[in-house]
Amino acid sequence: MKLPRDLSGDEVCRALKRLGFEFVRQTGSHRHYVKDSLHPCVPMHREIKPKTLQSILKQAEITVEALLDNLSNSDGVAIAPDFIRPPLTQRDAQYAQLRRRLAGLGWISQGYVQDRGPGAGGPCY
């Protein structure tokens, strides 16, 4: 069976948990799992490349079919990925607009507050 191309790291981690693997640690953006003497490492990318997925399956000693069977819930419905961002609230949109205005005026730069502005040297937000 061909390897799927649209799997995220979260989806692969959920499938490994269902197959009995336990989360051990995270190093940077890689999660490490263990089951008996098997130690697969899963990168937390939005899309895992087929060769990387093949390496994960080899480390975990599972087949593509077993992975795909454990990707869906008990009803057979595919699980939505965790990285889908909720829509912005009105307050979030207003805050983003304010930050863009302040950055345009030179009062803030790259998300950091600069010590300048009107007045005697206090930080300007």
PDB file of N, CA and C in Angstrom:
ATOM      1  N   MET A   1       0.848  -1.185   0.000  1.00  0.00           N
ATOM      2  CA  MET A   1       0.000   0.000   0.000  1.00  0.00           C
ATOM      3  C   MET A   1       0.888   1.240   0.000  1.00  0.00           C
ATOM      4  N   LYS A   2       0.473   2.269  -0.736  1.00  0.00           N
ATOM      5  CA  LYS A   2       1.237   3.506  -0.799  1.00  0.00           C
ATOM      6  C   LYS A   2       1.153   4.266   0.525  1.00  0.00           C
ATOM      7  N   LEU A   3       2.217   4.987   0.803  1.00  0.00           N
ATOM      8  CA  LEU A   3       2.253   5.797   2.022  1.00  0.00           C
ATOM      9  C   LEU A   3       1.425   7.064   1.825  1.00  0.00           C
ATOM     10  N   PRO A   4       0.621   7.448   2.812  1.00  0.00           N
ATOM     11  CA  PRO A   4      -0.142   8.697   2.691  1.00  0.00           C
ATOM     12  C   PRO A   4       0.784   9.904   2.741  1.00  0.00           C
ATOM     13  N   ARG A   5       0.393  10.975   2.062  1.00  0.00           N
ATOM     14  CA  ARG A   5       1.230  12.167   1.982  1.00  0.00           C
ATOM     15  C   ARG A   5       0.713  13.322   2.830  1.00  0.00           C
ATOM     16  N   ASP A   6      -0.458  13.196   3.395  1.00  0.00           N
ATOM     17  CA  ASP A   6      -1.058  14.343   4.078  1.00  0.00           C
ATOM     18  C   ASP A   6      -1.179  14.142   5.586  1.00  0.00           C
ATOM     19  N   LEU A   7      -0.316  13.331   6.182  1.00  0.00           N
ATOM     20  CA  LEU A   7      -0.390  13.106   7.624  1.00  0.00           C
ATOM     21  C   LEU A   7       0.461  14.122   8.367  1.00  0.00           C
ATOM     22  N   SER A   8      -0.043  14.587   9.496  1.00  0.00           N
ATOM     23  CA  SER A   8       0.734  15.492  10.339  1.00  0.00           C
ATOM     24  C   SER A   8       1.393  14.690  11.454  1.00  0.00           C
ATOM     25  N   GLY A   9       2.315  15.334  12.157  1.00  0.00           N
ATOM     26  CA  GLY A   9       2.968  14.683  13.280  1.00  0.00           C
ATOM     27  C   GLY A   9       1.986  14.330  14.382  1.00  0.00           C
ATOM     28  N   ASP A  10       1.003  15.198  14.620  1.00  0.00           N
ATOM     29  CA  ASP A  10      -0.016  14.933  15.645  1.00  0.00           C
ATOM     30  C   ASP A  10      -0.815  13.680  15.324  1.00  0.00           C
ATOM     31  N   GLU A  11      -1.180  13.520  14.064  1.00  0.00           N
ATOM     32  CA  GLU A  11      -1.969  12.353  13.673  1.00  0.00           C
ATOM     33  C   GLU A  11      -1.177  11.061  13.847  1.00  0.00           C
ATOM     34  N   VAL A  12       0.106  11.089  13.486  1.00  0.00           N
ATOM     35  CA  VAL A  12       0.942   9.901  13.649  1.00  0.00           C
ATOM     36  C   VAL A  12       1.117   9.586  15.137  1.00  0.00           C
ATOM     37  N   CYS A  13       1.280  10.615  15.963  1.00  0.00           N
ATOM     38  CA  CYS A  13       1.422  10.406  17.413  1.00  0.00           C
ATOM     39  C   CYS A  13       0.161   9.771  17.997  1.00  0.00           C
ATOM     40  N   ARG A  14      -1.013  10.231  17.571  1.00  0.00           N
ATOM     41  CA  ARG A  14      -2.265   9.644  18.061  1.00  0.00           C
ATOM     42  C   ARG A  14      -2.370   8.174  17.672  1.00  0.00           C
ATOM     43  N   ALA A  15      -1.968   7.856  16.441  1.00  0.00           N
ATOM     44  CA  ALA A  15      -2.019   6.465  15.986  1.00  0.00           C
ATOM     45  C   ALA A  15      -1.052   5.601  16.797  1.00  0.00           C
ATOM     46  N   LEU A  16       0.132   6.132  17.095  1.00  0.00           N
ATOM     47  CA  LEU A  16       1.095   5.369  17.891  1.00  0.00           C
ATOM     48  C   LEU A  16       0.564   5.123  19.303  1.00  0.00           C
ATOM     49  N   LYS A  17      -0.089   6.118  19.886  1.00  0.00           N
ATOM     50  CA  LYS A  17      -0.670   5.936  21.226  1.00  0.00           C
ATOM     51  C   LYS A  17      -1.727   4.834  21.211  1.00  0.00           C
ATOM     52  N   ARG A  18      -2.536   4.813  20.154  1.00  0.00           N
ATOM     53  CA  ARG A  18      -3.565   3.769  20.046  1.00  0.00           C
ATOM     54  C   ARG A  18      -2.960   2.389  19.846  1.00  0.00           C
ATOM     55  N   LEU A  19      -1.747   2.350  19.295  1.00  0.00           N
ATOM     56  CA  LEU A  19      -1.063   1.076  19.092  1.00  0.00           C
ATOM     57  C   LEU A  19      -0.278   0.635  20.328  1.00  0.00           C
ATOM     58  N   GLY A  20      -0.351   1.417  21.405  1.00  0.00           N
ATOM     59  CA  GLY A  20       0.268   1.018  22.659  1.00  0.00           C
ATOM     60  C   GLY A  20       1.608   1.663  22.961  1.00  0.00           C
ATOM     61  N   PHE A  21       2.033   2.619  22.157  1.00  0.00           N
ATOM     62  CA  PHE A  21       3.288   3.315  22.425  1.00  0.00           C
ATOM     63  C   PHE A  21       3.060   4.391  23.479  1.00  0.00           C
ATOM     64  N   GLU A  22       4.061   4.608  24.323  1.00  0.00           N
ATOM     65  CA  GLU A  22       3.968   5.615  25.376  1.00  0.00           C
ATOM     66  C   GLU A  22       4.917   6.764  25.075  1.00  0.00           C
ATOM     67  N   PHE A  23       4.442   7.983  25.313  1.00  0.00           N
ATOM     68  CA  PHE A  23       5.265   9.177  25.136  1.00  0.00           C
ATOM     69  C   PHE A  23       6.330   9.202  26.223  1.00  0.00           C
ATOM     70  N   VAL A  24       7.596   9.405  25.827  1.00  0.00           N
ATOM     71  CA  VAL A  24       8.703   9.428  26.779  1.00  0.00           C
ATOM     72  C   VAL A  24       9.218  10.843  26.990  1.00  0.00           C
ATOM     73  N   ARG A  25       9.568  11.525  25.882  1.00  0.00           N
ATOM     74  CA  ARG A  25      10.132  12.879  25.993  1.00  0.00           C
ATOM     75  C   ARG A  25       9.986  13.591  24.659  1.00  0.00           C
ATOM     76  N   GLN A  26      10.258  14.891  24.694  1.00  0.00           N
ATOM     77  CA  GLN A  26      10.280  15.688  23.473  1.00  0.00           C
ATOM     78  C   GLN A  26      11.594  16.432  23.422  1.00  0.00           C
ATOM     79  N   THR A  27      12.277  16.333  22.297  1.00  0.00           N
ATOM     80  CA  THR A  27      13.530  17.039  22.077  1.00  0.00           C
ATOM     81  C   THR A  27      13.317  17.983  20.905  1.00  0.00           C
ATOM     82  N   GLY A  28      13.219  19.268  21.173  1.00  0.00           N
ATOM     83  CA  GLY A  28      12.920  20.226  20.113  1.00  0.00           C
ATOM     84  C   GLY A  28      11.536  19.968  19.554  1.00  0.00           C
ATOM     85  N   SER A  29      11.466  19.679  18.265  1.00  0.00           N
ATOM     86  CA  SER A  29      10.167  19.415  17.640  1.00  0.00           C
ATOM     87  C   SER A  29       9.965  17.926  17.381  1.00  0.00           C
ATOM     88  N   HIS A  30      10.710  17.063  18.056  1.00  0.00           N
ATOM     89  CA  HIS A  30      10.593  15.617  17.864  1.00  0.00           C
ATOM     90  C   HIS A  30      10.106  14.946  19.143  1.00  0.00           C
ATOM     91  N   ARG A  31       9.054  14.152  19.023  1.00  0.00           N
ATOM     92  CA  ARG A  31       8.525  13.406  20.155  1.00  0.00           C
ATOM     93  C   ARG A  31       9.038  11.968  20.098  1.00  0.00           C
ATOM     94  N   HIS A  32       9.437  11.464  21.247  1.00  0.00           N
ATOM     95  CA  HIS A  32       9.992  10.122  21.338  1.00  0.00           C
ATOM     96  C   HIS A  32       9.008   9.223  22.086  1.00  0.00           C
ATOM     97  N   TYR A  33       8.756   8.047  21.506  1.00  0.00           N
ATOM     98  CA  TYR A  33       7.829   7.081  22.084  1.00  0.00           C
ATOM     99  C   TYR A  33       8.566   5.776  22.348  1.00  0.00           C
ATOM    100  N   VAL A  34       7.998   4.931  23.219  1.00  0.00           N
ATOM    101  CA  VAL A  34       8.608   3.649  23.528  1.00  0.00           C
ATOM    102  C   VAL A  34       7.532   2.592  23.723  1.00  0.00           C
ATOM    103  N   LYS A  35       7.864   1.350  23.286  1.00  0.00           N
ATOM    104  CA  LYS A  35       7.013   0.178  23.518  1.00  0.00           C
ATOM    105  C   LYS A  35       7.955  -1.019  23.428  1.00  0.00           C
ATOM    106  N   ASP A  36       8.132  -1.696  24.542  1.00  0.00           N
ATOM    107  CA  ASP A  36       9.084  -2.801  24.633  1.00  0.00           C
ATOM    108  C   ASP A  36      10.479  -2.295  24.234  1.00  0.00           C
ATOM    109  N   SER A  37      11.052  -2.828  23.177  1.00  0.00           N
ATOM    110  CA  SER A  37      12.387  -2.385  22.755  1.00  0.00           C
ATOM    111  C   SER A  37      12.331  -1.456  21.544  1.00  0.00           C
ATOM    112  N   LEU A  38      11.139  -0.983  21.189  1.00  0.00           N
ATOM    113  CA  LEU A  38      10.963  -0.105  20.031  1.00  0.00           C
ATOM    114  C   LEU A  38      10.952   1.351  20.481  1.00  0.00           C
ATOM    115  N   HIS A  39      11.654   2.215  19.733  1.00  0.00           N
ATOM    116  CA  HIS A  39      11.777   3.623  20.107  1.00  0.00           C
ATOM    117  C   HIS A  39      11.579   4.532  18.898  1.00  0.00           C
ATOM    118  N   PRO A  40      10.347   4.688  18.393  1.00  0.00           N
ATOM    119  CA  PRO A  40      10.148   5.591  17.248  1.00  0.00           C
ATOM    120  C   PRO A  40      10.228   7.056  17.659  1.00  0.00           C
ATOM    121  N   CYS A  41      10.683   7.873  16.734  1.00  0.00           N
ATOM    122  CA  CYS A  41      10.798   9.318  16.931  1.00  0.00           C
ATOM    123  C   CYS A  41       9.957   9.994  15.859  1.00  0.00           C
ATOM    124  N   VAL A  42       9.041  10.882  16.270  1.00  0.00           N
ATOM    125  CA  VAL A  42       8.101  11.508  15.331  1.00  0.00           C
ATOM    126  C   VAL A  42       8.345  13.022  15.291  1.00  0.00           C
ATOM    127  N   PRO A  43       8.674  13.583  14.106  1.00  0.00           N
ATOM    128  CA  PRO A  43       8.802  15.039  13.996  1.00  0.00           C
ATOM    129  C   PRO A  43       7.414  15.674  13.990  1.00  0.00           C
ATOM    130  N   MET A  44       7.255  16.772  14.691  1.00  0.00           N
ATOM    131  CA  MET A  44       5.958  17.441  14.780  1.00  0.00           C
ATOM    132  C   MET A  44       5.812  18.470  13.654  1.00  0.00           C
ATOM    133  N   HIS A  45       5.707  17.965  12.425  1.00  0.00           N
ATOM    134  CA  HIS A  45       5.533  18.810  11.252  1.00  0.00           C
ATOM    135  C   HIS A  45       4.067  18.790  10.839  1.00  0.00           C
ATOM    136  N   ARG A  46       3.673  19.789  10.074  1.00  0.00           N
ATOM    137  CA  ARG A  46       2.293  19.812   9.575  1.00  0.00           C
ATOM    138  C   ARG A  46       2.059  18.690   8.575  1.00  0.00           C
ATOM    139  N   GLU A  47       3.038  18.424   7.737  1.00  0.00           N
ATOM    140  CA  GLU A  47       2.959  17.302   6.806  1.00  0.00           C
ATOM    141  C   GLU A  47       4.262  16.531   6.894  1.00  0.00           C
ATOM    142  N   ILE A  48       4.161  15.231   7.113  1.00  0.00           N
ATOM    143  CA  ILE A  48       5.343  14.382   7.186  1.00  0.00           C
ATOM    144  C   ILE A  48       5.589  13.798   5.802  1.00  0.00           C
ATOM    145  N   LYS A  49       6.813  13.908   5.326  1.00  0.00           N
ATOM    146  CA  LYS A  49       7.166  13.391   4.008  1.00  0.00           C
ATOM    147  C   LYS A  49       7.094  11.868   4.020  1.00  0.00           C
ATOM    148  N   PRO A  50       6.817  11.265   2.857  1.00  0.00           N
ATOM    149  CA  PRO A  50       6.663   9.811   2.795  1.00  0.00           C
ATOM    150  C   PRO A  50       7.880   9.033   3.299  1.00  0.00           C
ATOM    151  N   LYS A  51       9.085   9.463   2.963  1.00  0.00           N
ATOM    152  CA  LYS A  51      10.287   8.751   3.427  1.00  0.00           C
ATOM    153  C   LYS A  51      10.436   8.853   4.942  1.00  0.00           C
ATOM    154  N   THR A  52      10.079   9.994   5.514  1.00  0.00           N
ATOM    155  CA  THR A  52      10.123  10.155   6.965  1.00  0.00           C
ATOM    156  C   THR A  52       9.094   9.240   7.615  1.00  0.00           C
ATOM    157  N   LEU A  53       7.898   9.170   7.039  1.00  0.00           N
ATOM    158  CA  LEU A  53       6.860   8.285   7.556  1.00  0.00           C
ATOM    159  C   LEU A  53       7.301   6.828   7.460  1.00  0.00           C
ATOM    160  N   GLN A  54       7.956   6.484   6.363  1.00  0.00           N
ATOM    161  CA  GLN A  54       8.471   5.126   6.195  1.00  0.00           C
ATOM    162  C   GLN A  54       9.495   4.801   7.291  1.00  0.00           C
ATOM    163  N   SER A  55      10.334   5.767   7.639  1.00  0.00           N
ATOM    164  CA  SER A  55      11.319   5.575   8.699  1.00  0.00           C
ATOM    165  C   SER A  55      10.641   5.388  10.056  1.00  0.00           C
ATOM    166  N   ILE A  56       9.588   6.152  10.323  1.00  0.00           N
ATOM    167  CA  ILE A  56       8.848   6.027  11.586  1.00  0.00           C
ATOM    168  C   ILE A  56       8.214   4.641  11.682  1.00  0.00           C
ATOM    169  N   LEU A  57       7.609   4.182  10.575  1.00  0.00           N
ATOM    170  CA  LEU A  57       6.982   2.858  10.566  1.00  0.00           C
ATOM    171  C   LEU A  57       8.013   1.754  10.769  1.00  0.00           C
ATOM    172  N   LYS A  58       9.195   1.949  10.212  1.00  0.00           N
ATOM    173  CA  LYS A  58      10.267   0.960  10.378  1.00  0.00           C
ATOM    174  C   LYS A  58      10.748   0.926  11.829  1.00  0.00           C
ATOM    175  N   GLN A  59      10.895   2.121  12.454  1.00  0.00           N
ATOM    176  CA  GLN A  59      11.319   2.187  13.857  1.00  0.00           C
ATOM    177  C   GLN A  59      10.281   1.547  14.768  1.00  0.00           C
ATOM    178  N   ALA A  60       8.997   1.731  14.449  1.00  0.00           N
ATOM    179  CA  ALA A  60       7.912   1.209  15.281  1.00  0.00           C
ATOM    180  C   ALA A  60       7.540  -0.224  14.916  1.00  0.00           C
ATOM    181  N   GLU A  61       8.083  -0.717  13.804  1.00  0.00           N
ATOM    182  CA  GLU A  61       7.781  -2.058  13.307  1.00  0.00           C
ATOM    183  C   GLU A  61       6.276  -2.282  13.138  1.00  0.00           C
ATOM    184  N   ILE A  62       5.621  -1.323  12.474  1.00  0.00           N
ATOM    185  CA  ILE A  62       4.202  -1.453  12.161  1.00  0.00           C
ATOM    186  C   ILE A  62       4.019  -1.283  10.661  1.00  0.00           C
ATOM    187  N   THR A  63       2.897  -1.742  10.136  1.00  0.00           N
ATOM    188  CA  THR A  63       2.613  -1.635   8.708  1.00  0.00           C
ATOM    189  C   THR A  63       1.810  -0.374   8.425  1.00  0.00           C
ATOM    190  N   VAL A  64       1.735  -0.039   7.161  1.00  0.00           N
ATOM    191  CA  VAL A  64       0.942   1.125   6.740  1.00  0.00           C
ATOM    192  C   VAL A  64      -0.523   0.893   7.075  1.00  0.00           C
ATOM    193  N   GLU A  65      -0.992  -0.342   6.876  1.00  0.00           N
ATOM    194  CA  GLU A  65      -2.387  -0.671   7.161  1.00  0.00           C
ATOM    195  C   GLU A  65      -2.716  -0.474   8.637  1.00  0.00           C
ATOM    196  N   ALA A  66      -1.790  -0.914   9.519  1.00  0.00           N
ATOM    197  CA  ALA A  66      -2.015  -0.747  10.960  1.00  0.00           C
ATOM    198  C   ALA A  66      -2.076   0.730  11.328  1.00  0.00           C
ATOM    199  N   LEU A  67      -1.206   1.525  10.719  1.00  0.00           N
ATOM    200  CA  LEU A  67      -1.213   2.965  10.982  1.00  0.00           C
ATOM    201  C   LEU A  67      -2.530   3.584  10.524  1.00  0.00           C
ATOM    202  N   LEU A  68      -2.958   3.239   9.298  1.00  0.00           N
ATOM    203  CA  LEU A  68      -4.189   3.824   8.765  1.00  0.00           C
ATOM    204  C   LEU A  68      -5.416   3.378   9.552  1.00  0.00           C
ATOM    205  N   ASP A  69      -5.410   2.139  10.045  1.00  0.00           N
ATOM    206  CA  ASP A  69      -6.533   1.665  10.861  1.00  0.00           C
ATOM    207  C   ASP A  69      -6.653   2.449  12.156  1.00  0.00           C
ATOM    208  N   ASN A  70      -5.533   2.893  12.698  1.00  0.00           N
ATOM    209  CA  ASN A  70      -5.539   3.610  13.970  1.00  0.00           C
ATOM    210  C   ASN A  70      -5.600   5.122  13.805  1.00  0.00           C
ATOM    211  N   LEU A  71      -5.665   5.612  12.585  1.00  0.00           N
ATOM    212  CA  LEU A  71      -5.812   7.053  12.358  1.00  0.00           C
ATOM    213  C   LEU A  71      -7.250   7.509  12.531  1.00  0.00           C
ATOM    214  N   SER A  72      -8.206   6.637  12.295  1.00  0.00           N
ATOM    215  CA  SER A  72      -9.605   7.030  12.412  1.00  0.00           C
ATOM    216  C   SER A  72     -10.150   6.563  13.752  1.00  0.00           C
ATOM    217  N   ASN A  73     -11.209   7.211  14.212  1.00  0.00           N
ATOM    218  CA  ASN A  73     -11.807   6.828  15.487  1.00  0.00           C
ATOM    219  C   ASN A  73     -12.685   5.592  15.297  1.00  0.00           C
ATOM    220  N   SER A  74     -13.391   5.168  16.303  1.00  0.00           N
ATOM    221  CA  SER A  74     -14.158   3.927  16.245  1.00  0.00           C
ATOM    222  C   SER A  74     -15.272   3.958  15.198  1.00  0.00           C
ATOM    223  N   ASP A  75     -15.735   5.150  14.810  1.00  0.00           N
ATOM    224  CA  ASP A  75     -16.789   5.254  13.797  1.00  0.00           C
ATOM    225  C   ASP A  75     -16.233   5.238  12.380  1.00  0.00           C
ATOM    226  N   GLY A  76     -14.905   5.216  12.251  1.00  0.00           N
ATOM    227  CA  GLY A  76     -14.291   5.243  10.932  1.00  0.00           C
ATOM    228  C   GLY A  76     -14.148   6.644  10.372  1.00  0.00           C
ATOM    229  N   VAL A  77     -14.401   7.668  11.195  1.00  0.00           N
ATOM    230  CA  VAL A  77     -14.293   9.051  10.758  1.00  0.00           C
ATOM    231  C   VAL A  77     -12.883   9.540  11.046  1.00  0.00           C
ATOM    232  N   ALA A  78     -12.261  10.175  10.076  1.00  0.00           N
ATOM    233  CA  ALA A  78     -10.895  10.667  10.256  1.00  0.00           C
ATOM    234  C   ALA A  78     -10.866  11.752  11.337  1.00  0.00           C
ATOM    235  N   ILE A  79      -9.793  11.780  12.079  1.00  0.00           N
ATOM    236  CA  ILE A  79      -9.637  12.721  13.179  1.00  0.00           C
ATOM    237  C   ILE A  79      -9.071  14.029  12.637  1.00  0.00           C
ATOM    238  N   ALA A  80      -9.631  15.149  13.080  1.00  0.00           N
ATOM    239  CA  ALA A  80      -9.145  16.452  12.637  1.00  0.00           C
ATOM    240  C   ALA A  80      -7.802  16.745  13.292  1.00  0.00           C
ATOM    241  N   PRO A  81      -6.862  17.332  12.568  1.00  0.00           N
ATOM    242  CA  PRO A  81      -5.558  17.647  13.156  1.00  0.00           C
ATOM    243  C   PRO A  81      -5.672  18.719  14.227  1.00  0.00           C
ATOM    244  N   ASP A  82      -4.726  18.707  15.171  1.00  0.00           N
ATOM    245  CA  ASP A  82      -4.735  19.662  16.284  1.00  0.00           C
ATOM    246  C   ASP A  82      -4.291  21.059  15.887  1.00  0.00           C
ATOM    247  N   PHE A  83      -3.557  21.178  14.785  1.00  0.00           N
ATOM    248  CA  PHE A  83      -2.957  22.458  14.470  1.00  0.00           C
ATOM    249  C   PHE A  83      -3.915  23.438  13.804  1.00  0.00           C
ATOM    250  N   ILE A  84      -5.182  23.065  13.586  1.00  0.00           N
ATOM    251  CA  ILE A  84      -6.139  23.994  12.987  1.00  0.00           C
ATOM    252  C   ILE A  84      -6.390  25.122  13.982  1.00  0.00           C
ATOM    253  N   ARG A  85      -6.139  26.321  13.548  1.00  0.00           N
ATOM    254  CA  ARG A  85      -6.217  27.482  14.424  1.00  0.00           C
ATOM    255  C   ARG A  85      -7.656  27.981  14.516  1.00  0.00           C
ATOM    256  N   PRO A  86      -8.130  28.291  15.730  1.00  0.00           N
ATOM    257  CA  PRO A  86      -9.489  28.825  15.836  1.00  0.00           C
ATOM    258  C   PRO A  86      -9.560  30.220  15.224  1.00  0.00           C
ATOM    259  N   PRO A  87     -10.738  30.642  14.804  1.00  0.00           N
ATOM    260  CA  PRO A  87     -10.856  31.968  14.198  1.00  0.00           C
ATOM    261  C   PRO A  87     -10.532  33.064  15.214  1.00  0.00           C
ATOM    262  N   LEU A  88     -10.015  34.165  14.705  1.00  0.00           N
ATOM    263  CA  LEU A  88      -9.659  35.285  15.569  1.00  0.00           C
ATOM    264  C   LEU A  88     -10.914  35.953  16.125  1.00  0.00           C
ATOM    265  N   THR A  89     -10.820  36.343  17.369  1.00  0.00           N
ATOM    266  CA  THR A  89     -11.910  37.110  17.953  1.00  0.00           C
ATOM    267  C   THR A  89     -11.752  38.570  17.540  1.00  0.00           C
ATOM    268  N   GLN A  90     -12.761  39.372  17.815  1.00  0.00           N
ATOM    269  CA  GLN A  90     -12.694  40.788  17.459  1.00  0.00           C
ATOM    270  C   GLN A  90     -11.558  41.462  18.233  1.00  0.00           C
ATOM    271  N   ARG A  91     -11.370  41.065  19.483  1.00  0.00           N
ATOM    272  CA  ARG A  91     -10.310  41.673  20.292  1.00  0.00           C
ATOM    273  C   ARG A  91      -8.928  41.320  19.737  1.00  0.00           C
ATOM    274  N   ASP A  92      -8.741  40.076  19.282  1.00  0.00           N
ATOM    275  CA  ASP A  92      -7.469  39.675  18.687  1.00  0.00           C
ATOM    276  C   ASP A  92      -7.193  40.481  17.421  1.00  0.00           C
ATOM    277  N   ALA A  93      -8.219  40.695  16.618  1.00  0.00           N
ATOM    278  CA  ALA A  93      -8.054  41.457  15.381  1.00  0.00           C
ATOM    279  C   ALA A  93      -7.692  42.912  15.690  1.00  0.00           C
ATOM    280  N   GLN A  94      -8.327  43.507  16.717  1.00  0.00           N
ATOM    281  CA  GLN A  94      -8.016  44.886  17.096  1.00  0.00           C
ATOM    282  C   GLN A  94      -6.587  44.989  17.628  1.00  0.00           C
ATOM    283  N   TYR A  95      -6.153  43.996  18.396  1.00  0.00           N
ATOM    284  CA  TYR A  95      -4.793  43.994  18.940  1.00  0.00           C
ATOM    285  C   TYR A  95      -3.768  43.885  17.804  1.00  0.00           C
ATOM    286  N   ALA A  96      -4.032  43.047  16.817  1.00  0.00           N
ATOM    287  CA  ALA A  96      -3.124  42.901  15.685  1.00  0.00           C
ATOM    288  C   ALA A  96      -3.046  44.199  14.895  1.00  0.00           C
ATOM    289  N   GLN A  97      -4.190  44.864  14.721  1.00  0.00           N
ATOM    290  CA  GLN A  97      -4.211  46.134  13.999  1.00  0.00           C
ATOM    291  C   GLN A  97      -3.412  47.192  14.751  1.00  0.00           C
ATOM    292  N   LEU A  98      -3.544  47.252  16.076  1.00  0.00           N
ATOM    293  CA  LEU A  98      -2.795  48.205  16.894  1.00  0.00           C
ATOM    294  C   LEU A  98      -1.294  47.943  16.791  1.00  0.00           C
ATOM    295  N   ARG A  99      -0.893  46.679  16.841  1.00  0.00           N
ATOM    296  CA  ARG A  99       0.534  46.335  16.740  1.00  0.00           C
ATOM    297  C   ARG A  99       1.097  46.750  15.377  1.00  0.00           C
ATOM    298  N   ARG A 100       0.310  46.570  14.305  1.00  0.00           N
ATOM    299  CA  ARG A 100       0.772  46.988  12.977  1.00  0.00           C
ATOM    300  C   ARG A 100       0.950  48.504  12.920  1.00  0.00           C
ATOM    301  N   ARG A 101       0.015  49.250  13.521  1.00  0.00           N
ATOM    302  CA  ARG A 101       0.127  50.722  13.542  1.00  0.00           C
ATOM    303  C   ARG A 101       1.364  51.172  14.315  1.00  0.00           C
ATOM    304  N   LEU A 102       1.574  50.602  15.485  1.00  0.00           N
ATOM    305  CA  LEU A 102       2.733  50.978  16.299  1.00  0.00           C
ATOM    306  C   LEU A 102       4.038  50.610  15.610  1.00  0.00           C
ATOM    307  N   ALA A 103       4.059  49.487  14.926  1.00  0.00           N
ATOM    308  CA  ALA A 103       5.260  49.097  14.192  1.00  0.00           C
ATOM    309  C   ALA A 103       5.513  50.063  13.039  1.00  0.00           C
ATOM    310  N   GLY A 104       4.439  50.528  12.402  1.00  0.00           N
ATOM    311  CA  GLY A 104       4.573  51.495  11.312  1.00  0.00           C
ATOM    312  C   GLY A 104       5.120  52.827  11.790  1.00  0.00           C
ATOM    313  N   LEU A 105       4.793  53.199  13.020  1.00  0.00           N
ATOM    314  CA  LEU A 105       5.305  54.444  13.593  1.00  0.00           C
ATOM    315  C   LEU A 105       6.724  54.287  14.127  1.00  0.00           C
ATOM    316  N   GLY A 106       7.205  53.062  14.196  1.00  0.00           N
ATOM    317  CA  GLY A 106       8.552  52.829  14.712  1.00  0.00           C
ATOM    318  C   GLY A 106       8.606  52.696  16.221  1.00  0.00           C
ATOM    319  N   TRP A 107       7.475  52.580  16.879  1.00  0.00           N
ATOM    320  CA  TRP A 107       7.471  52.488  18.336  1.00  0.00           C
ATOM    321  C   TRP A 107       7.751  51.075  18.811  1.00  0.00           C
ATOM    322  N   ILE A 108       7.397  50.104  18.019  1.00  0.00           N
ATOM    323  CA  ILE A 108       7.750  48.719  18.333  1.00  0.00           C
ATOM    324  C   ILE A 108       8.362  48.098  17.090  1.00  0.00           C
ATOM    325  N   SER A 109       9.205  47.095  17.310  1.00  0.00           N
ATOM    326  CA  SER A 109       9.867  46.462  16.190  1.00  0.00           C
ATOM    327  C   SER A 109       9.980  44.974  16.450  1.00  0.00           C
ATOM    328  N   GLN A 110       9.499  44.162  15.544  1.00  0.00           N
ATOM    329  CA  GLN A 110       9.600  42.706  15.592  1.00  0.00           C
ATOM    330  C   GLN A 110       9.077  42.130  16.904  1.00  0.00           C
ATOM    331  N   GLY A 111       8.039  42.701  17.448  1.00  0.00           N
ATOM    332  CA  GLY A 111       7.423  42.157  18.643  1.00  0.00           C
ATOM    333  C   GLY A 111       8.062  42.584  19.939  1.00  0.00           C
ATOM    334  N   TYR A 112       9.094  43.406  19.910  1.00  0.00           N
ATOM    335  CA  TYR A 112       9.746  43.847  21.130  1.00  0.00           C
ATOM    336  C   TYR A 112       9.445  45.317  21.392  1.00  0.00           C
ATOM    337  N   VAL A 113       9.376  45.682  22.662  1.00  0.00           N
ATOM    338  CA  VAL A 113       9.119  47.067  23.049  1.00  0.00           C
ATOM    339  C   VAL A 113      10.440  47.815  23.052  1.00  0.00           C
ATOM    340  N   GLN A 114      10.452  48.995  22.451  1.00  0.00           N
ATOM    341  CA  GLN A 114      11.669  49.797  22.429  1.00  0.00           C
ATOM    342  C   GLN A 114      11.571  50.893  23.474  1.00  0.00           C
ATOM    343  N   ASP A 115      12.717  51.287  24.001  1.00  0.00           N
ATOM    344  CA  ASP A 115      12.758  52.336  25.015  1.00  0.00           C
ATOM    345  C   ASP A 115      12.873  53.701  24.350  1.00  0.00           C
ATOM    346  N   ARG A 116      11.810  54.143  23.703  1.00  0.00           N
ATOM    347  CA  ARG A 116      11.777  55.481  23.135  1.00  0.00           C
ATOM    348  C   ARG A 116      10.328  55.885  22.921  1.00  0.00           C
ATOM    349  N   GLY A 117      10.115  57.093  22.633  1.00  0.00           N
ATOM    350  CA  GLY A 117       8.763  57.574  22.416  1.00  0.00           C
ATOM    351  C   GLY A 117       8.580  58.900  23.119  1.00  0.00           C
ATOM    352  N   PRO A 118       7.349  59.384  23.226  1.00  0.00           N
ATOM    353  CA  PRO A 118       7.139  60.670  23.877  1.00  0.00           C
ATOM    354  C   PRO A 118       7.419  60.564  25.374  1.00  0.00           C
ATOM    355  N   GLY A 119       7.990  61.580  25.923  1.00  0.00           N
ATOM    356  CA  GLY A 119       8.290  61.558  27.350  1.00  0.00           C
ATOM    357  C   GLY A 119       9.774  61.318  27.596  1.00  0.00           C
ATOM    358  N   ALA A 120      10.079  61.152  28.846  1.00  0.00           N
ATOM    359  CA  ALA A 120      11.497  61.105  29.244  1.00  0.00           C
ATOM    360  C   ALA A 120      11.999  59.672  29.359  1.00  0.00           C
ATOM    361  N   GLY A 121      12.055  58.961  28.282  1.00  0.00           N
ATOM    362  CA  GLY A 121      12.784  57.705  28.244  1.00  0.00           C
ATOM    363  C   GLY A 121      12.073  56.451  28.744  1.00  0.00           C
ATOM    364  N   GLY A 122      10.812  56.521  29.121  1.00  0.00           N
ATOM    365  CA  GLY A 122      10.135  55.310  29.573  1.00  0.00           C
ATOM    366  C   GLY A 122       9.755  54.422  28.393  1.00  0.00           C
ATOM    367  N   PRO A 123       9.477  53.165  28.645  1.00  0.00           N
ATOM    368  CA  PRO A 123       9.099  52.290  27.532  1.00  0.00           C
ATOM    369  C   PRO A 123       7.760  52.708  26.945  1.00  0.00           C
ATOM    370  N   CYS A 124       7.643  52.613  25.660  1.00  0.00           N
ATOM    371  CA  CYS A 124       6.427  52.998  24.958  1.00  0.00           C
ATOM    372  C   CYS A 124       5.799  51.753  24.369  1.00  0.00           C
ATOM    373  N   TYR A 125       4.585  51.449  24.734  1.00  0.00           N
ATOM    374  CA  TYR A 125       3.937  50.218  24.281  1.00  0.00           C
ATOM    375  C   TYR A 125       3.141  50.455  23.070  1.00  0.00           C
TER     376      TYR A 125
END
